[in-house]
Amino acid sequence: MDLDNQKEYWDEVAEIKTFTHPIDTELINQFLNKQSIIVDFGCGYGRIVKELSDLGFENVSGFDTSKELIARGISENNLSLHHIENPTDLKLKDNSVDCIILFAVLTCIPSNAGQSSLINLLLSKLRKGGIIYISDYYIQEKSVEVERYEYLNGDENNYGVFKLPEGATFRHHTKEWIKILTKDFETLIEKPLIVKTMNGNIANGFQLIGRK
């Protein structure tokens, strides 16, 4: 299984996982209008696509590499969701999107190279002045969490990787790495977040809005 695209894992758990990172609609309203083109990358079953659509946003779509998560979202809510085999299959015009939402996606991509490649791809799709809205996890401070962190393939610049008993590999991030990853964006907002993970654990996260 490709660690940077663990779609087989997500297909297996598609019907039982509940995603939890909250979207701050007040923040969204500061930067977007109801006609803005919004793309939720790594949308899962379309939780955020539905929430924004219900709030009156007219051009919201989601993309995910898990066929089963997409099928769940379409079945439950008939949303504008699209399956892609790989991130590079994202067939959107360059400089065409007003906002890209990236919620708990980086955590699913263990490698620096995989994360950087995705961010560069998404950057190319945003129009000038468009925003990326990221929600993800910082390195946890609890000793139980710290003990399970590893370097990916021994790379000391690729820290915070861990494997769940159910088989998937995830990553939490240093603040320094997030700064490097988002260096081509103007950071407008960055704030800490306490969030419950999809497995019911409380974790330290962050939300960031960056402008192209």
N, C-alpha and C. Protein backbone atom coordinates (compact mmCIF):
# COMPACT_ATOMS: atom_id res chain seq x y z
N MET A 1 0.85 -1.21 0.00
CA MET A 1 0.00 0.00 0.00
C MET A 1 0.88 1.25 0.00
N ASP A 2 0.57 2.19 -0.86
CA ASP A 2 1.27 3.47 -0.93
C ASP A 2 0.96 4.26 0.33
N LEU A 3 1.97 4.53 1.16
CA LEU A 3 1.73 5.21 2.43
C LEU A 3 1.18 6.62 2.24
N ASP A 4 1.46 7.24 1.11
CA ASP A 4 0.97 8.60 0.86
C ASP A 4 -0.41 8.61 0.18
N ASN A 5 -0.96 7.44 -0.08
CA ASN A 5 -2.31 7.35 -0.66
C ASN A 5 -2.92 6.02 -0.21
N GLN A 6 -3.32 5.97 1.05
CA GLN A 6 -3.76 4.72 1.67
C GLN A 6 -5.25 4.44 1.41
N LYS A 7 -5.60 4.49 0.14
CA LYS A 7 -7.02 4.39 -0.22
C LYS A 7 -7.61 3.04 0.12
N GLU A 8 -6.79 1.99 0.13
CA GLU A 8 -7.31 0.66 0.49
C GLU A 8 -7.81 0.66 1.94
N TYR A 9 -7.06 1.32 2.81
CA TYR A 9 -7.50 1.42 4.21
C TYR A 9 -8.81 2.18 4.31
N TRP A 10 -8.89 3.31 3.63
CA TRP A 10 -10.10 4.14 3.73
C TRP A 10 -11.30 3.45 3.11
N ASP A 11 -11.08 2.67 2.07
CA ASP A 11 -12.19 1.90 1.51
C ASP A 11 -12.73 0.90 2.53
N GLU A 12 -11.83 0.31 3.31
CA GLU A 12 -12.24 -0.70 4.29
C GLU A 12 -13.05 -0.10 5.44
N VAL A 13 -12.72 1.13 5.84
CA VAL A 13 -13.37 1.72 7.02
C VAL A 13 -14.39 2.79 6.64
N ALA A 14 -14.71 2.90 5.37
CA ALA A 14 -15.55 4.01 4.88
C ALA A 14 -16.89 4.12 5.58
N GLU A 15 -17.48 3.01 5.97
CA GLU A 15 -18.82 3.03 6.55
C GLU A 15 -18.82 3.26 8.05
N ILE A 16 -17.65 3.22 8.69
CA ILE A 16 -17.65 3.26 10.16
C ILE A 16 -16.95 4.48 10.76
N LYS A 17 -16.21 5.23 9.98
CA LYS A 17 -15.48 6.37 10.51
C LYS A 17 -16.33 7.64 10.45
N THR A 18 -16.18 8.47 11.51
CA THR A 18 -16.83 9.78 11.55
C THR A 18 -15.74 10.83 11.68
N PHE A 19 -15.70 11.77 10.75
CA PHE A 19 -14.66 12.80 10.76
C PHE A 19 -15.14 13.99 11.58
N THR A 20 -14.18 14.68 12.22
CA THR A 20 -14.56 15.55 13.34
C THR A 20 -14.04 16.97 13.29
N HIS A 21 -13.05 17.28 12.47
CA HIS A 21 -12.50 18.63 12.52
C HIS A 21 -13.58 19.65 12.18
N PRO A 22 -13.84 20.62 13.06
CA PRO A 22 -14.93 21.58 12.83
C PRO A 22 -14.52 22.67 11.86
N ILE A 23 -15.41 23.01 10.96
CA ILE A 23 -15.14 24.12 10.06
C ILE A 23 -15.70 25.39 10.68
N ASP A 24 -14.89 26.44 10.69
CA ASP A 24 -15.27 27.72 11.28
C ASP A 24 -15.94 28.56 10.18
N THR A 25 -17.24 28.55 10.17
CA THR A 25 -17.96 29.24 9.09
C THR A 25 -17.82 30.76 9.19
N GLU A 26 -17.56 31.28 10.39
CA GLU A 26 -17.32 32.71 10.51
C GLU A 26 -16.04 33.10 9.77
N LEU A 27 -15.03 32.25 9.87
CA LEU A 27 -13.80 32.50 9.12
C LEU A 27 -14.05 32.43 7.62
N ILE A 28 -14.77 31.40 7.21
CA ILE A 28 -15.08 31.23 5.79
C ILE A 28 -15.79 32.47 5.25
N ASN A 29 -16.72 32.98 6.01
CA ASN A 29 -17.50 34.14 5.55
C ASN A 29 -16.66 35.40 5.44
N GLN A 30 -15.52 35.44 6.13
CA GLN A 30 -14.64 36.60 6.02
C GLN A 30 -13.98 36.69 4.64
N PHE A 31 -13.79 35.54 4.02
CA PHE A 31 -12.98 35.50 2.80
C PHE A 31 -13.75 35.10 1.55
N LEU A 32 -14.95 34.55 1.71
CA LEU A 32 -15.68 34.00 0.58
C LEU A 32 -17.09 34.52 0.52
N ASN A 33 -17.71 34.41 -0.66
CA ASN A 33 -19.13 34.68 -0.78
C ASN A 33 -19.83 33.41 -1.25
N LYS A 34 -21.13 33.48 -1.37
CA LYS A 34 -21.90 32.26 -1.66
C LYS A 34 -21.65 31.72 -3.06
N GLN A 35 -21.04 32.53 -3.94
CA GLN A 35 -20.74 32.06 -5.30
C GLN A 35 -19.29 31.60 -5.45
N SER A 36 -18.50 31.69 -4.41
CA SER A 36 -17.09 31.30 -4.48
C SER A 36 -16.96 29.83 -4.86
N ILE A 37 -15.92 29.53 -5.62
CA ILE A 37 -15.64 28.14 -6.01
C ILE A 37 -14.79 27.50 -4.91
N ILE A 38 -15.37 26.51 -4.24
CA ILE A 38 -14.74 25.87 -3.08
C ILE A 38 -14.51 24.39 -3.39
N VAL A 39 -13.31 23.92 -3.14
CA VAL A 39 -12.96 22.52 -3.34
C VAL A 39 -12.50 21.93 -2.00
N ASP A 40 -13.14 20.86 -1.60
CA ASP A 40 -12.73 20.11 -0.41
C ASP A 40 -11.91 18.92 -0.88
N PHE A 41 -10.58 19.02 -0.70
CA PHE A 41 -9.71 17.93 -1.15
C PHE A 41 -9.51 16.95 0.00
N GLY A 42 -9.72 15.66 -0.30
CA GLY A 42 -9.73 14.66 0.77
C GLY A 42 -11.02 14.77 1.55
N CYS A 43 -12.11 14.87 0.80
CA CYS A 43 -13.42 15.21 1.37
C CYS A 43 -14.06 14.07 2.13
N GLY A 44 -13.54 12.84 1.96
CA GLY A 44 -14.19 11.70 2.62
C GLY A 44 -15.59 11.50 2.11
N TYR A 45 -16.54 11.41 3.04
CA TYR A 45 -17.94 11.21 2.66
C TYR A 45 -18.69 12.54 2.50
N GLY A 46 -17.95 13.64 2.44
CA GLY A 46 -18.56 14.92 2.09
C GLY A 46 -19.18 15.68 3.24
N ARG A 47 -18.71 15.44 4.45
CA ARG A 47 -19.28 16.13 5.61
C ARG A 47 -19.23 17.65 5.45
N ILE A 48 -18.09 18.18 5.05
CA ILE A 48 -17.94 19.63 4.94
C ILE A 48 -18.63 20.15 3.69
N VAL A 49 -18.60 19.39 2.62
CA VAL A 49 -19.33 19.78 1.41
C VAL A 49 -20.81 19.97 1.74
N LYS A 50 -21.36 19.06 2.50
CA LYS A 50 -22.77 19.16 2.89
C LYS A 50 -23.01 20.37 3.78
N GLU A 51 -22.13 20.57 4.76
CA GLU A 51 -22.32 21.68 5.69
C GLU A 51 -22.30 23.02 4.97
N LEU A 52 -21.35 23.20 4.07
CA LEU A 52 -21.26 24.46 3.34
C LEU A 52 -22.41 24.61 2.35
N SER A 53 -22.79 23.53 1.71
CA SER A 53 -23.94 23.59 0.78
C SER A 53 -25.21 23.96 1.53
N ASP A 54 -25.38 23.41 2.72
CA ASP A 54 -26.56 23.72 3.53
C ASP A 54 -26.58 25.17 3.97
N LEU A 55 -25.39 25.79 4.04
CA LEU A 55 -25.30 27.20 4.42
C LEU A 55 -25.51 28.14 3.23
N GLY A 56 -25.70 27.57 2.05
CA GLY A 56 -26.00 28.38 0.88
C GLY A 56 -24.85 28.60 -0.08
N PHE A 57 -23.71 27.99 0.18
CA PHE A 57 -22.60 28.09 -0.79
C PHE A 57 -22.95 27.24 -2.01
N GLU A 58 -22.86 27.85 -3.19
CA GLU A 58 -23.44 27.25 -4.39
C GLU A 58 -22.46 26.42 -5.22
N ASN A 59 -21.16 26.60 -4.99
CA ASN A 59 -20.17 25.95 -5.85
C ASN A 59 -19.15 25.17 -5.01
N VAL A 60 -19.64 24.19 -4.28
CA VAL A 60 -18.78 23.38 -3.42
C VAL A 60 -18.70 21.97 -3.98
N SER A 61 -17.50 21.47 -4.14
CA SER A 61 -17.33 20.09 -4.60
C SER A 61 -16.22 19.43 -3.80
N GLY A 62 -16.25 18.09 -3.77
CA GLY A 62 -15.26 17.35 -3.02
C GLY A 62 -14.58 16.29 -3.86
N PHE A 63 -13.31 16.01 -3.54
CA PHE A 63 -12.53 15.00 -4.24
C PHE A 63 -11.82 14.12 -3.22
N ASP A 64 -11.79 12.81 -3.49
CA ASP A 64 -11.13 11.89 -2.58
C ASP A 64 -10.66 10.66 -3.36
N THR A 65 -9.59 10.04 -2.86
CA THR A 65 -9.07 8.84 -3.53
C THR A 65 -9.74 7.56 -3.04
N SER A 66 -10.60 7.66 -2.03
CA SER A 66 -11.33 6.48 -1.56
C SER A 66 -12.67 6.37 -2.28
N LYS A 67 -12.79 5.36 -3.09
CA LYS A 67 -14.02 5.14 -3.85
C LYS A 67 -15.21 4.89 -2.92
N GLU A 68 -14.95 4.20 -1.81
CA GLU A 68 -16.05 3.84 -0.90
C GLU A 68 -16.52 5.04 -0.09
N LEU A 69 -15.62 5.91 0.31
CA LEU A 69 -16.04 7.13 1.01
C LEU A 69 -16.90 8.01 0.11
N ILE A 70 -16.47 8.16 -1.14
CA ILE A 70 -17.24 8.94 -2.10
C ILE A 70 -18.62 8.32 -2.30
N ALA A 71 -18.67 7.02 -2.44
CA ALA A 71 -19.96 6.33 -2.63
C ALA A 71 -20.87 6.55 -1.44
N ARG A 72 -20.30 6.54 -0.24
CA ARG A 72 -21.11 6.78 0.96
C ARG A 72 -21.72 8.18 0.93
N GLY A 73 -20.91 9.17 0.58
CA GLY A 73 -21.41 10.55 0.56
C GLY A 73 -22.49 10.77 -0.47
N ILE A 74 -22.33 10.17 -1.63
CA ILE A 74 -23.34 10.31 -2.68
C ILE A 74 -24.62 9.59 -2.28
N SER A 75 -24.47 8.42 -1.68
CA SER A 75 -25.64 7.64 -1.26
C SER A 75 -26.42 8.33 -0.16
N GLU A 76 -25.71 8.92 0.81
CA GLU A 76 -26.38 9.52 1.96
C GLU A 76 -26.98 10.88 1.64
N ASN A 77 -26.28 11.68 0.81
CA ASN A 77 -26.70 13.07 0.63
C ASN A 77 -26.70 13.56 -0.81
N ASN A 78 -26.37 12.71 -1.77
CA ASN A 78 -26.36 13.09 -3.18
C ASN A 78 -25.54 14.36 -3.40
N LEU A 79 -24.30 14.34 -2.90
CA LEU A 79 -23.45 15.52 -2.96
C LEU A 79 -22.60 15.53 -4.22
N SER A 80 -22.00 16.68 -4.50
CA SER A 80 -21.09 16.82 -5.64
C SER A 80 -19.71 16.32 -5.22
N LEU A 81 -19.55 15.01 -5.23
CA LEU A 81 -18.31 14.37 -4.81
C LEU A 81 -17.72 13.58 -5.98
N HIS A 82 -16.40 13.55 -6.05
CA HIS A 82 -15.73 12.95 -7.20
C HIS A 82 -14.58 12.06 -6.74
N HIS A 83 -14.54 10.84 -7.27
CA HIS A 83 -13.45 9.93 -6.96
C HIS A 83 -12.30 10.13 -7.93
N ILE A 84 -11.08 10.21 -7.37
CA ILE A 84 -9.87 10.24 -8.19
C ILE A 84 -8.92 9.16 -7.65
N GLU A 85 -8.18 8.52 -8.54
CA GLU A 85 -7.27 7.45 -8.11
C GLU A 85 -6.06 8.01 -7.36
N ASN A 86 -5.58 9.16 -7.83
CA ASN A 86 -4.41 9.80 -7.25
C ASN A 86 -4.61 11.32 -7.25
N PRO A 87 -3.93 12.03 -6.34
CA PRO A 87 -4.07 13.49 -6.32
C PRO A 87 -3.79 14.14 -7.66
N THR A 88 -2.84 13.58 -8.42
CA THR A 88 -2.49 14.18 -9.71
C THR A 88 -3.62 14.07 -10.73
N ASP A 89 -4.65 13.29 -10.41
CA ASP A 89 -5.81 13.18 -11.30
C ASP A 89 -6.82 14.31 -11.08
N LEU A 90 -6.48 15.27 -10.25
CA LEU A 90 -7.37 16.39 -9.96
C LEU A 90 -7.45 17.29 -11.19
N LYS A 91 -8.50 17.11 -11.98
CA LYS A 91 -8.60 17.80 -13.27
C LYS A 91 -9.35 19.13 -13.10
N LEU A 92 -8.73 20.04 -12.42
CA LEU A 92 -9.25 21.39 -12.29
C LEU A 92 -8.30 22.34 -13.03
N LYS A 93 -8.85 23.38 -13.61
CA LYS A 93 -8.02 24.35 -14.30
C LYS A 93 -7.12 25.06 -13.29
N ASP A 94 -5.91 25.36 -13.72
CA ASP A 94 -5.03 26.15 -12.88
C ASP A 94 -5.63 27.53 -12.65
N ASN A 95 -5.36 28.09 -11.47
CA ASN A 95 -5.78 29.45 -11.12
C ASN A 95 -7.29 29.64 -11.23
N SER A 96 -8.06 28.62 -10.82
CA SER A 96 -9.52 28.69 -11.01
C SER A 96 -10.33 28.59 -9.73
N VAL A 97 -9.70 28.26 -8.61
CA VAL A 97 -10.44 27.95 -7.38
C VAL A 97 -10.25 29.06 -6.36
N ASP A 98 -11.34 29.43 -5.68
CA ASP A 98 -11.28 30.48 -4.66
C ASP A 98 -10.81 29.97 -3.31
N CYS A 99 -11.16 28.73 -2.98
CA CYS A 99 -10.81 28.18 -1.68
C CYS A 99 -10.62 26.67 -1.78
N ILE A 100 -9.52 26.19 -1.22
CA ILE A 100 -9.31 24.75 -1.08
C ILE A 100 -9.31 24.40 0.40
N ILE A 101 -10.13 23.45 0.77
CA ILE A 101 -10.22 22.97 2.14
C ILE A 101 -9.43 21.68 2.25
N LEU A 102 -8.59 21.60 3.27
CA LEU A 102 -7.71 20.45 3.47
C LEU A 102 -7.77 20.05 4.94
N PHE A 103 -8.79 19.28 5.26
CA PHE A 103 -9.07 18.95 6.67
C PHE A 103 -8.64 17.52 6.99
N ALA A 104 -7.68 17.41 7.93
CA ALA A 104 -7.17 16.10 8.37
C ALA A 104 -6.74 15.24 7.18
N VAL A 105 -6.08 15.89 6.24
CA VAL A 105 -5.54 15.19 5.07
C VAL A 105 -4.03 15.02 5.20
N LEU A 106 -3.34 16.06 5.64
CA LEU A 106 -1.89 15.96 5.80
C LEU A 106 -1.53 14.82 6.75
N THR A 107 -2.31 14.64 7.78
CA THR A 107 -2.04 13.56 8.74
C THR A 107 -2.05 12.18 8.09
N CYS A 108 -2.74 12.08 6.96
CA CYS A 108 -2.84 10.79 6.24
C CYS A 108 -1.70 10.59 5.25
N ILE A 109 -0.82 11.59 5.13
CA ILE A 109 0.29 11.54 4.17
C ILE A 109 1.59 11.61 4.96
N PRO A 110 2.23 10.49 5.24
CA PRO A 110 3.38 10.49 6.14
C PRO A 110 4.63 11.20 5.64
N SER A 111 4.86 11.24 4.34
CA SER A 111 6.16 11.71 3.85
C SER A 111 6.18 13.21 3.56
N ASN A 112 7.34 13.82 3.80
CA ASN A 112 7.54 15.21 3.42
C ASN A 112 7.29 15.41 1.93
N ALA A 113 7.82 14.50 1.13
CA ALA A 113 7.69 14.63 -0.33
C ALA A 113 6.24 14.57 -0.76
N GLY A 114 5.48 13.65 -0.17
CA GLY A 114 4.06 13.52 -0.52
C GLY A 114 3.27 14.75 -0.14
N GLN A 115 3.54 15.29 1.04
CA GLN A 115 2.84 16.49 1.48
C GLN A 115 3.21 17.69 0.61
N SER A 116 4.49 17.85 0.34
CA SER A 116 4.94 18.99 -0.48
C SER A 116 4.36 18.92 -1.88
N SER A 117 4.33 17.74 -2.45
CA SER A 117 3.77 17.56 -3.79
C SER A 117 2.30 17.95 -3.83
N LEU A 118 1.55 17.54 -2.81
CA LEU A 118 0.13 17.87 -2.76
C LEU A 118 -0.08 19.37 -2.61
N ILE A 119 0.66 20.00 -1.70
CA ILE A 119 0.49 21.44 -1.49
C ILE A 119 0.82 22.21 -2.76
N ASN A 120 1.86 21.81 -3.47
CA ASN A 120 2.20 22.49 -4.73
C ASN A 120 1.11 22.31 -5.78
N LEU A 121 0.52 21.12 -5.82
CA LEU A 121 -0.58 20.87 -6.75
C LEU A 121 -1.77 21.77 -6.43
N LEU A 122 -2.14 21.82 -5.16
CA LEU A 122 -3.29 22.63 -4.76
C LEU A 122 -3.03 24.12 -4.96
N LEU A 123 -1.80 24.54 -4.71
CA LEU A 123 -1.43 25.93 -4.94
C LEU A 123 -1.66 26.32 -6.39
N SER A 124 -1.34 25.41 -7.31
CA SER A 124 -1.51 25.71 -8.74
C SER A 124 -2.97 25.88 -9.13
N LYS A 125 -3.88 25.27 -8.38
CA LYS A 125 -5.30 25.34 -8.71
C LYS A 125 -5.96 26.60 -8.16
N LEU A 126 -5.36 27.20 -7.15
CA LEU A 126 -5.93 28.41 -6.56
C LEU A 126 -5.68 29.62 -7.45
N ARG A 127 -6.68 30.46 -7.55
CA ARG A 127 -6.48 31.74 -8.23
C ARG A 127 -5.60 32.63 -7.35
N LYS A 128 -5.03 33.67 -7.92
CA LYS A 128 -4.27 34.63 -7.13
C LYS A 128 -5.21 35.29 -6.12
N GLY A 129 -4.84 35.27 -4.87
CA GLY A 129 -5.70 35.79 -3.81
C GLY A 129 -6.60 34.74 -3.20
N GLY A 130 -6.62 33.53 -3.80
CA GLY A 130 -7.41 32.44 -3.24
C GLY A 130 -6.80 31.94 -1.94
N ILE A 131 -7.58 31.19 -1.18
CA ILE A 131 -7.12 30.75 0.14
C ILE A 131 -7.12 29.22 0.26
N ILE A 132 -6.22 28.73 1.08
CA ILE A 132 -6.24 27.34 1.51
C ILE A 132 -6.57 27.33 3.00
N TYR A 133 -7.46 26.44 3.39
CA TYR A 133 -7.92 26.33 4.78
C TYR A 133 -7.53 24.94 5.26
N ILE A 134 -6.51 24.89 6.12
CA ILE A 134 -5.96 23.62 6.59
C ILE A 134 -6.37 23.39 8.04
N SER A 135 -6.77 22.17 8.34
CA SER A 135 -6.99 21.75 9.73
C SER A 135 -6.28 20.41 9.90
N ASP A 136 -5.39 20.35 10.92
CA ASP A 136 -4.61 19.12 11.08
C ASP A 136 -4.06 19.03 12.49
N TYR A 137 -3.05 18.18 12.69
CA TYR A 137 -2.54 17.87 14.02
C TYR A 137 -1.09 18.29 14.20
N TYR A 138 -0.82 18.93 15.34
CA TYR A 138 0.55 19.14 15.78
C TYR A 138 1.04 17.89 16.51
N ILE A 139 2.33 17.84 16.75
CA ILE A 139 2.92 16.82 17.62
C ILE A 139 2.23 16.90 18.98
N GLN A 140 1.82 15.75 19.51
CA GLN A 140 1.19 15.70 20.82
C GLN A 140 2.25 15.65 21.91
N GLU A 141 1.90 16.18 23.09
CA GLU A 141 2.87 16.27 24.17
C GLU A 141 2.74 15.15 25.19
N LYS A 142 1.66 14.39 25.16
CA LYS A 142 1.49 13.29 26.11
C LYS A 142 2.54 12.22 25.84
N SER A 143 3.09 11.66 26.92
CA SER A 143 4.17 10.69 26.78
C SER A 143 3.75 9.48 25.96
N VAL A 144 2.48 9.07 26.10
CA VAL A 144 2.00 7.91 25.34
C VAL A 144 2.09 8.18 23.85
N GLU A 145 1.75 9.42 23.46
CA GLU A 145 1.81 9.78 22.05
C GLU A 145 3.26 9.86 21.58
N VAL A 146 4.09 10.53 22.37
CA VAL A 146 5.48 10.76 21.97
C VAL A 146 6.21 9.44 21.77
N GLU A 147 5.91 8.47 22.61
CA GLU A 147 6.61 7.19 22.53
C GLU A 147 6.38 6.45 21.21
N ARG A 148 5.26 6.74 20.57
CA ARG A 148 4.98 6.00 19.33
C ARG A 148 5.47 6.72 18.07
N TYR A 149 5.92 7.96 18.21
CA TYR A 149 6.39 8.70 17.04
C TYR A 149 7.70 8.12 16.51
N GLU A 150 7.81 8.11 15.19
CA GLU A 150 9.02 7.63 14.54
C GLU A 150 9.42 8.60 13.43
N TYR A 151 10.65 8.44 12.95
CA TYR A 151 11.10 9.11 11.74
C TYR A 151 10.75 8.20 10.56
N LEU A 152 10.21 8.78 9.50
CA LEU A 152 9.88 7.98 8.33
C LEU A 152 11.16 7.53 7.63
N ASN A 153 11.35 6.23 7.55
CA ASN A 153 12.54 5.65 6.90
C ASN A 153 13.85 6.23 7.45
N GLY A 154 13.83 6.56 8.75
CA GLY A 154 15.03 7.06 9.40
C GLY A 154 15.38 8.50 9.08
N ASP A 155 14.51 9.22 8.38
CA ASP A 155 14.77 10.61 7.99
C ASP A 155 14.47 11.53 9.16
N GLU A 156 15.50 12.17 9.71
CA GLU A 156 15.33 13.02 10.88
C GLU A 156 14.54 14.29 10.58
N ASN A 157 14.33 14.59 9.33
CA ASN A 157 13.49 15.74 8.95
C ASN A 157 12.04 15.34 8.72
N ASN A 158 11.72 14.07 8.94
CA ASN A 158 10.37 13.56 8.67
C ASN A 158 9.84 12.84 9.91
N TYR A 159 9.54 13.65 10.94
CA TYR A 159 9.21 13.12 12.27
C TYR A 159 7.70 13.13 12.50
N GLY A 160 7.29 12.32 13.49
CA GLY A 160 5.89 12.33 13.93
C GLY A 160 5.04 11.25 13.31
N VAL A 161 5.68 10.28 12.68
CA VAL A 161 4.95 9.21 11.98
C VAL A 161 4.63 8.09 12.97
N PHE A 162 3.44 7.51 12.85
CA PHE A 162 3.05 6.40 13.72
C PHE A 162 2.04 5.52 12.99
N LYS A 163 1.94 4.29 13.46
CA LYS A 163 1.05 3.32 12.84
C LYS A 163 -0.03 2.91 13.82
N LEU A 164 -1.28 2.90 13.35
CA LEU A 164 -2.39 2.44 14.17
C LEU A 164 -2.46 0.91 14.16
N PRO A 165 -3.00 0.33 15.23
CA PRO A 165 -3.15 -1.13 15.26
C PRO A 165 -3.95 -1.67 14.07
N GLU A 166 -4.87 -0.84 13.54
CA GLU A 166 -5.69 -1.30 12.42
C GLU A 166 -4.96 -1.26 11.09
N GLY A 167 -3.71 -0.76 11.10
CA GLY A 167 -2.88 -0.91 9.92
C GLY A 167 -2.47 0.34 9.19
N ALA A 168 -3.17 1.45 9.38
CA ALA A 168 -2.85 2.67 8.63
C ALA A 168 -1.72 3.44 9.30
N THR A 169 -0.97 4.16 8.50
CA THR A 169 0.13 5.00 8.98
C THR A 169 -0.28 6.46 8.90
N PHE A 170 -0.05 7.20 10.00
CA PHE A 170 -0.44 8.61 10.07
C PHE A 170 0.75 9.44 10.52
N ARG A 171 0.52 10.75 10.58
CA ARG A 171 1.59 11.66 10.99
C ARG A 171 1.02 12.86 11.73
N HIS A 172 1.73 13.27 12.78
CA HIS A 172 1.51 14.56 13.42
C HIS A 172 2.72 15.45 13.10
N HIS A 173 2.56 16.75 13.25
CA HIS A 173 3.53 17.67 12.64
C HIS A 173 4.16 18.64 13.64
N THR A 174 5.42 18.93 13.42
CA THR A 174 6.05 20.02 14.16
C THR A 174 5.59 21.35 13.55
N LYS A 175 5.59 22.39 14.37
CA LYS A 175 5.21 23.71 13.86
C LYS A 175 6.20 24.17 12.79
N GLU A 176 7.46 23.78 12.96
CA GLU A 176 8.49 24.17 12.00
C GLU A 176 8.20 23.58 10.62
N TRP A 177 7.73 22.33 10.59
CA TRP A 177 7.44 21.70 9.30
C TRP A 177 6.24 22.36 8.63
N ILE A 178 5.23 22.71 9.39
CA ILE A 178 4.06 23.37 8.80
C ILE A 178 4.45 24.71 8.19
N LYS A 179 5.36 25.43 8.85
CA LYS A 179 5.83 26.70 8.29
C LYS A 179 6.53 26.48 6.95
N ILE A 180 7.36 25.45 6.88
CA ILE A 180 8.05 25.13 5.63
C ILE A 180 7.05 24.74 4.55
N LEU A 181 6.09 23.92 4.93
CA LEU A 181 5.12 23.39 3.97
C LEU A 181 4.27 24.50 3.36
N THR A 182 3.97 25.52 4.14
CA THR A 182 3.06 26.59 3.69
C THR A 182 3.80 27.88 3.33
N LYS A 183 5.09 27.77 3.05
CA LYS A 183 5.91 28.96 2.84
C LYS A 183 5.48 29.79 1.64
N ASP A 184 4.80 29.18 0.67
CA ASP A 184 4.38 29.93 -0.51
C ASP A 184 3.03 30.61 -0.34
N PHE A 185 2.47 30.51 0.85
CA PHE A 185 1.22 31.19 1.18
C PHE A 185 1.50 32.31 2.18
N GLU A 186 0.69 33.35 2.11
CA GLU A 186 0.68 34.36 3.16
C GLU A 186 -0.25 33.87 4.27
N THR A 187 0.31 33.61 5.44
CA THR A 187 -0.52 33.11 6.54
C THR A 187 -1.38 34.24 7.08
N LEU A 188 -2.69 34.08 6.96
CA LEU A 188 -3.63 35.08 7.44
C LEU A 188 -4.10 34.77 8.85
N ILE A 189 -4.32 33.50 9.11
CA ILE A 189 -4.81 33.05 10.42
C ILE A 189 -4.15 31.72 10.74
N GLU A 190 -3.67 31.58 11.96
CA GLU A 190 -3.20 30.29 12.46
C GLU A 190 -3.58 30.21 13.93
N LYS A 191 -4.32 29.19 14.29
CA LYS A 191 -4.80 29.10 15.67
C LYS A 191 -4.79 27.64 16.13
N PRO A 192 -4.58 27.43 17.44
CA PRO A 192 -4.62 26.07 17.98
C PRO A 192 -6.04 25.55 18.02
N LEU A 193 -6.16 24.23 18.08
CA LEU A 193 -7.46 23.58 18.07
C LEU A 193 -7.38 22.31 18.90
N ILE A 194 -8.32 22.14 19.81
CA ILE A 194 -8.47 20.87 20.51
C ILE A 194 -9.58 20.10 19.80
N VAL A 195 -9.27 18.90 19.34
CA VAL A 195 -10.22 18.18 18.50
C VAL A 195 -10.24 16.71 18.89
N LYS A 196 -11.39 16.09 18.72
CA LYS A 196 -11.51 14.65 18.93
C LYS A 196 -11.18 13.95 17.61
N THR A 197 -10.31 12.97 17.67
CA THR A 197 -9.92 12.25 16.46
C THR A 197 -11.04 11.31 16.03
N MET A 198 -10.89 10.73 14.85
CA MET A 198 -11.91 9.81 14.34
C MET A 198 -12.01 8.55 15.19
N ASN A 199 -10.98 8.31 16.03
CA ASN A 199 -11.01 7.15 16.92
C ASN A 199 -11.38 7.53 18.35
N GLY A 200 -11.82 8.79 18.53
CA GLY A 200 -12.36 9.21 19.82
C GLY A 200 -11.37 9.77 20.80
N ASN A 201 -10.13 10.00 20.39
CA ASN A 201 -9.12 10.55 21.29
C ASN A 201 -9.07 12.07 21.17
N ILE A 202 -8.72 12.74 22.27
CA ILE A 202 -8.57 14.19 22.25
C ILE A 202 -7.15 14.54 21.84
N ALA A 203 -7.01 15.47 20.90
CA ALA A 203 -5.68 15.77 20.35
C ALA A 203 -5.51 17.27 20.14
N ASN A 204 -4.25 17.71 20.15
CA ASN A 204 -3.91 19.10 19.85
C ASN A 204 -3.77 19.26 18.34
N GLY A 205 -4.55 20.15 17.81
CA GLY A 205 -4.49 20.41 16.38
C GLY A 205 -4.29 21.88 16.10
N PHE A 206 -4.48 22.25 14.86
CA PHE A 206 -4.37 23.65 14.46
C PHE A 206 -5.23 23.87 13.22
N GLN A 207 -5.60 25.12 13.03
CA GLN A 207 -6.23 25.53 11.78
C GLN A 207 -5.46 26.72 11.22
N LEU A 208 -5.31 26.71 9.92
CA LEU A 208 -4.51 27.74 9.24
C LEU A 208 -5.21 28.15 7.96
N ILE A 209 -5.26 29.44 7.75
CA ILE A 209 -5.73 29.97 6.47
C ILE A 209 -4.59 30.74 5.82
N GLY A 210 -4.23 30.32 4.61
CA GLY A 210 -3.17 30.97 3.88
C GLY A 210 -3.67 31.48 2.54
N ARG A 211 -3.11 32.59 2.10
CA ARG A 211 -3.53 33.20 0.84
C ARG A 211 -2.42 33.11 -0.20
N LYS A 212 -2.83 32.75 -1.42
CA LYS A 212 -1.88 32.66 -2.54
C LYS A 212 -1.48 34.05 -3.00
